[in-house]
Amino acid sequence: MKVRAAVLEEFGAPLEVQELELAEPKAGEVLVRLVACGVCHTDLYTASGADPSG
């Protein structure tokens, strides 16, 4: 199935919404429709490449 995901290709680059292929749910799994989400500020800091522990 096709899904959209915010993807980081490299440190310092912006997040890009991409369409990806994902396997269908298996027995015992569920598919949840996500309407909105947030991105944690500390995750963005690490993704920027500025986090020395990162």
PDB file of N, CA and C in Angstrom:
ATOM      1  N   MET A   1       0.842  -1.165   0.000  1.00  0.00           N
ATOM      2  CA  MET A   1       0.000   0.000   0.000  1.00  0.00           C
ATOM      3  C   MET A   1       0.891   1.233   0.000  1.00  0.00           C
ATOM      4  N   LYS A   2       0.385   2.322  -0.515  1.00  0.00           N
ATOM      5  CA  LYS A   2       1.129   3.581  -0.555  1.00  0.00           C
ATOM      6  C   LYS A   2       0.806   4.395   0.698  1.00  0.00           C
ATOM      7  N   VAL A   3       1.843   4.978   1.305  1.00  0.00           N
ATOM      8  CA  VAL A   3       1.677   5.853   2.467  1.00  0.00           C
ATOM      9  C   VAL A   3       2.518   7.107   2.244  1.00  0.00           C
ATOM     10  N   ARG A   4       2.177   8.170   2.941  1.00  0.00           N
ATOM     11  CA  ARG A   4       2.993   9.384   2.909  1.00  0.00           C
ATOM     12  C   ARG A   4       3.742   9.476   4.227  1.00  0.00           C
ATOM     13  N   ALA A   5       5.005   9.885   4.149  1.00  0.00           N
ATOM     14  CA  ALA A   5       5.845   9.974   5.342  1.00  0.00           C
ATOM     15  C   ALA A   5       6.767  11.177   5.222  1.00  0.00           C
ATOM     16  N   ALA A   6       7.036  11.829   6.354  1.00  0.00           N
ATOM     17  CA  ALA A   6       8.039  12.889   6.399  1.00  0.00           C
ATOM     18  C   ALA A   6       9.394  12.208   6.547  1.00  0.00           C
ATOM     19  N   VAL A   7      10.281  12.437   5.590  1.00  0.00           N
ATOM     20  CA  VAL A   7      11.552  11.719   5.514  1.00  0.00           C
ATOM     21  C   VAL A   7      12.711  12.707   5.581  1.00  0.00           C
ATOM     22  N   LEU A   8      13.724  12.347   6.361  1.00  0.00           N
ATOM     23  CA  LEU A   8      14.955  13.133   6.423  1.00  0.00           C
ATOM     24  C   LEU A   8      16.021  12.358   5.661  1.00  0.00           C
ATOM     25  N   GLU A   9      16.519  12.924   4.577  1.00  0.00           N
ATOM     26  CA  GLU A   9      17.514  12.248   3.742  1.00  0.00           C
ATOM     27  C   GLU A   9      18.932  12.448   4.258  1.00  0.00           C
ATOM     28  N   GLU A  10      19.219  13.610   4.889  1.00  0.00           N
ATOM     29  CA  GLU A  10      20.555  13.883   5.411  1.00  0.00           C
ATOM     30  C   GLU A  10      20.471  14.969   6.473  1.00  0.00           C
ATOM     31  N   PHE A  11      21.465  14.978   7.388  1.00  0.00           N
ATOM     32  CA  PHE A  11      21.503  16.007   8.421  1.00  0.00           C
ATOM     33  C   PHE A  11      21.487  17.391   7.784  1.00  0.00           C
ATOM     34  N   GLY A  12      20.709  18.291   8.360  1.00  0.00           N
ATOM     35  CA  GLY A  12      20.652  19.668   7.894  1.00  0.00           C
ATOM     36  C   GLY A  12      19.653  19.904   6.775  1.00  0.00           C
ATOM     37  N   ALA A  13      19.168  18.846   6.148  1.00  0.00           N
ATOM     38  CA  ALA A  13      18.182  18.988   5.077  1.00  0.00           C
ATOM     39  C   ALA A  13      16.784  19.090   5.691  1.00  0.00           C
ATOM     40  N   PRO A  14      15.858  19.718   4.996  1.00  0.00           N
ATOM     41  CA  PRO A  14      14.492  19.785   5.524  1.00  0.00           C
ATOM     42  C   PRO A  14      13.794  18.428   5.412  1.00  0.00           C
ATOM     43  N   LEU A  15      12.802  18.215   6.260  1.00  0.00           N
ATOM     44  CA  LEU A  15      11.954  17.032   6.119  1.00  0.00           C
ATOM     45  C   LEU A  15      11.185  17.156   4.806  1.00  0.00           C
ATOM     46  N   GLU A  16      11.047  16.056   4.094  1.00  0.00           N
ATOM     47  CA  GLU A  16      10.298  16.034   2.841  1.00  0.00           C
ATOM     48  C   GLU A  16       9.186  15.005   2.956  1.00  0.00           C
ATOM     49  N   VAL A  17       7.991  15.379   2.549  1.00  0.00           N
ATOM     50  CA  VAL A  17       6.891  14.419   2.522  1.00  0.00           C
ATOM     51  C   VAL A  17       7.041  13.605   1.241  1.00  0.00           C
ATOM     52  N   GLN A  18       7.163  12.286   1.419  1.00  0.00           N
ATOM     53  CA  GLN A  18       7.349  11.372   0.294  1.00  0.00           C
ATOM     54  C   GLN A  18       6.290  10.283   0.339  1.00  0.00           C
ATOM     55  N   GLU A  19       5.991   9.726  -0.811  1.00  0.00           N
ATOM     56  CA  GLU A  19       5.093   8.582  -0.884  1.00  0.00           C
ATOM     57  C   GLU A  19       5.947   7.320  -0.894  1.00  0.00           C
ATOM     58  N   LEU A  20       5.670   6.421   0.045  1.00  0.00           N
ATOM     59  CA  LEU A  20       6.449   5.196   0.200  1.00  0.00           C
ATOM     60  C   LEU A  20       5.547   3.978   0.089  1.00  0.00           C
ATOM     61  N   GLU A  21       6.146   2.852  -0.236  1.00  0.00           N
ATOM     62  CA  GLU A  21       5.418   1.588  -0.275  1.00  0.00           C
ATOM     63  C   GLU A  21       5.558   0.912   1.088  1.00  0.00           C
ATOM     64  N   LEU A  22       4.451   0.463   1.660  1.00  0.00           N
ATOM     65  CA  LEU A  22       4.439  -0.190   2.966  1.00  0.00           C
ATOM     66  C   LEU A  22       3.633  -1.475   2.851  1.00  0.00           C
ATOM     67  N   ALA A  23       4.096  -2.522   3.507  1.00  0.00           N
ATOM     68  CA  ALA A  23       3.379  -3.800   3.474  1.00  0.00           C
ATOM     69  C   ALA A  23       2.010  -3.660   4.135  1.00  0.00           C
ATOM     70  N   GLU A  24       1.049  -4.414   3.636  1.00  0.00           N
ATOM     71  CA  GLU A  24      -0.291  -4.444   4.233  1.00  0.00           C
ATOM     72  C   GLU A  24      -0.193  -5.017   5.644  1.00  0.00           C
ATOM     73  N   PRO A  25      -1.112  -4.616   6.552  1.00  0.00           N
ATOM     74  CA  PRO A  25      -1.095  -5.188   7.903  1.00  0.00           C
ATOM     75  C   PRO A  25      -1.284  -6.703   7.859  1.00  0.00           C
ATOM     76  N   LYS A  26      -0.603  -7.380   8.764  1.00  0.00           N
ATOM     77  CA  LYS A  26      -0.705  -8.837   8.875  1.00  0.00           C
ATOM     78  C   LYS A  26      -1.721  -9.186   9.956  1.00  0.00           C
ATOM     79  N   ALA A  27      -1.982 -10.459  10.131  1.00  0.00           N
ATOM     80  CA  ALA A  27      -2.899 -10.918  11.172  1.00  0.00           C
ATOM     81  C   ALA A  27      -2.432 -10.397  12.527  1.00  0.00           C
ATOM     82  N   GLY A  28      -3.350  -9.839  13.295  1.00  0.00           N
ATOM     83  CA  GLY A  28      -3.019  -9.314  14.618  1.00  0.00           C
ATOM     84  C   GLY A  28      -2.542  -7.871  14.590  1.00  0.00           C
ATOM     85  N   GLU A  29      -2.390  -7.270  13.401  1.00  0.00           N
ATOM     86  CA  GLU A  29      -1.982  -5.874  13.268  1.00  0.00           C
ATOM     87  C   GLU A  29      -3.176  -5.041  12.823  1.00  0.00           C
ATOM     88  N   VAL A  30      -3.095  -3.744  13.013  1.00  0.00           N
ATOM     89  CA  VAL A  30      -4.164  -2.846  12.586  1.00  0.00           C
ATOM     90  C   VAL A  30      -3.574  -1.727  11.737  1.00  0.00           C
ATOM     91  N   LEU A  31      -4.412  -1.129  10.923  1.00  0.00           N
ATOM     92  CA  LEU A  31      -4.043   0.030  10.126  1.00  0.00           C
ATOM     93  C   LEU A  31      -4.753   1.230  10.730  1.00  0.00           C
ATOM     94  N   VAL A  32      -3.997   2.253  11.104  1.00  0.00           N
ATOM     95  CA  VAL A  32      -4.556   3.444  11.737  1.00  0.00           C
ATOM     96  C   VAL A  32      -4.386   4.619  10.788  1.00  0.00           C
ATOM     97  N   ARG A  33      -5.460   5.340  10.538  1.00  0.00           N
ATOM     98  CA  ARG A  33      -5.373   6.533   9.699  1.00  0.00           C
ATOM     99  C   ARG A  33      -4.940   7.701  10.572  1.00  0.00           C
ATOM    100  N   LEU A  34      -3.843   8.317  10.211  1.00  0.00           N
ATOM    101  CA  LEU A  34      -3.301   9.457  10.941  1.00  0.00           C
ATOM    102  C   LEU A  34      -3.698  10.722  10.202  1.00  0.00           C
ATOM    103  N   VAL A  35      -4.357  11.640  10.899  1.00  0.00           N
ATOM    104  CA  VAL A  35      -4.834  12.869  10.278  1.00  0.00           C
ATOM    105  C   VAL A  35      -3.814  13.988  10.440  1.00  0.00           C
ATOM    106  N   ALA A  36      -3.125  14.024  11.572  1.00  0.00           N
ATOM    107  CA  ALA A  36      -2.128  15.065  11.829  1.00  0.00           C
ATOM    108  C   ALA A  36      -1.103  14.527  12.813  1.00  0.00           C
ATOM    109  N   CYS A  37       0.079  15.124  12.795  1.00  0.00           N
ATOM    110  CA  CYS A  37       1.104  14.749  13.756  1.00  0.00           C
ATOM    111  C   CYS A  37       2.019  15.938  13.984  1.00  0.00           C
ATOM    112  N   GLY A  38       2.842  15.835  14.985  1.00  0.00           N
ATOM    113  CA  GLY A  38       3.823  16.871  15.274  1.00  0.00           C
ATOM    114  C   GLY A  38       5.220  16.293  15.183  1.00  0.00           C
ATOM    115  N   VAL A  39       6.188  17.181  15.160  1.00  0.00           N
ATOM    116  CA  VAL A  39       7.586  16.771  15.159  1.00  0.00           C
ATOM    117  C   VAL A  39       8.233  17.396  16.388  1.00  0.00           C
ATOM    118  N   CYS A  40       8.875  16.575  17.196  1.00  0.00           N
ATOM    119  CA  CYS A  40       9.514  17.023  18.430  1.00  0.00           C
ATOM    120  C   CYS A  40      10.675  17.971  18.108  1.00  0.00           C
ATOM    121  N   HIS A  41      10.740  19.089  18.824  1.00  0.00           N
ATOM    122  CA  HIS A  41      11.801  20.075  18.601  1.00  0.00           C
ATOM    123  C   HIS A  41      13.182  19.460  18.773  1.00  0.00           C
ATOM    124  N   THR A  42      13.342  18.565  19.740  1.00  0.00           N
ATOM    125  CA  THR A  42      14.660  17.949  19.937  1.00  0.00           C
ATOM    126  C   THR A  42      15.023  17.030  18.767  1.00  0.00           C
ATOM    127  N   ASP A  43      14.039  16.409  18.140  1.00  0.00           N
ATOM    128  CA  ASP A  43      14.311  15.607  16.942  1.00  0.00           C
ATOM    129  C   ASP A  43      14.783  16.499  15.797  1.00  0.00           C
ATOM    130  N   LEU A  44      14.158  17.668  15.644  1.00  0.00           N
ATOM    131  CA  LEU A  44      14.592  18.608  14.605  1.00  0.00           C
ATOM    132  C   LEU A  44      16.003  19.108  14.879  1.00  0.00           C
ATOM    133  N   TYR A  45      16.328  19.326  16.153  1.00  0.00           N
ATOM    134  CA  TYR A  45      17.677  19.766  16.521  1.00  0.00           C
ATOM    135  C   TYR A  45      18.704  18.702  16.135  1.00  0.00           C
ATOM    136  N   THR A  46      18.419  17.456  16.447  1.00  0.00           N
ATOM    137  CA  THR A  46      19.323  16.368  16.073  1.00  0.00           C
ATOM    138  C   THR A  46      19.424  16.262  14.553  1.00  0.00           C
ATOM    139  N   ALA A  47      18.308  16.380  13.862  1.00  0.00           N
ATOM    140  CA  ALA A  47      18.300  16.289  12.402  1.00  0.00           C
ATOM    141  C   ALA A  47      19.066  17.429  11.744  1.00  0.00           C
ATOM    142  N   SER A  48      19.181  18.556  12.439  1.00  0.00           N
ATOM    143  CA  SER A  48      19.887  19.711  11.868  1.00  0.00           C
ATOM    144  C   SER A  48      21.384  19.459  11.752  1.00  0.00           C
ATOM    145  N   GLY A  49      21.884  18.483  12.528  1.00  0.00           N
ATOM    146  CA  GLY A  49      23.311  18.199  12.539  1.00  0.00           C
ATOM    147  C   GLY A  49      24.060  18.985  13.590  1.00  0.00           C
ATOM    148  N   ALA A  50      23.353  19.849  14.330  1.00  0.00           N
ATOM    149  CA  ALA A  50      23.996  20.697  15.335  1.00  0.00           C
ATOM    150  C   ALA A  50      24.169  19.999  16.680  1.00  0.00           C
ATOM    151  N   ASP A  51      23.466  18.896  16.894  1.00  0.00           N
ATOM    152  CA  ASP A  51      23.527  18.176  18.170  1.00  0.00           C
ATOM    153  C   ASP A  51      24.827  17.376  18.237  1.00  0.00           C
ATOM    154  N   PRO A  52      25.737  17.719  19.151  1.00  0.00           N
ATOM    155  CA  PRO A  52      27.020  17.018  19.209  1.00  0.00           C
ATOM    156  C   PRO A  52      26.895  15.535  19.574  1.00  0.00           C
ATOM    157  N   SER A  53      25.796  15.154  20.238  1.00  0.00           N
ATOM    158  CA  SER A  53      25.618  13.744  20.600  1.00  0.00           C
ATOM    159  C   SER A  53      24.936  12.969  19.485  1.00  0.00           C
ATOM    160  N   GLY A  54      24.522  13.670  18.433  1.00  0.00           N
ATOM    161  CA  GLY A  54      23.757  13.190  17.445  1.00  0.00           C
ATOM    162  C   GLY A  54      23.683  12.341  16.383  1.00  0.00           C
TER     163      GLY A  54
END
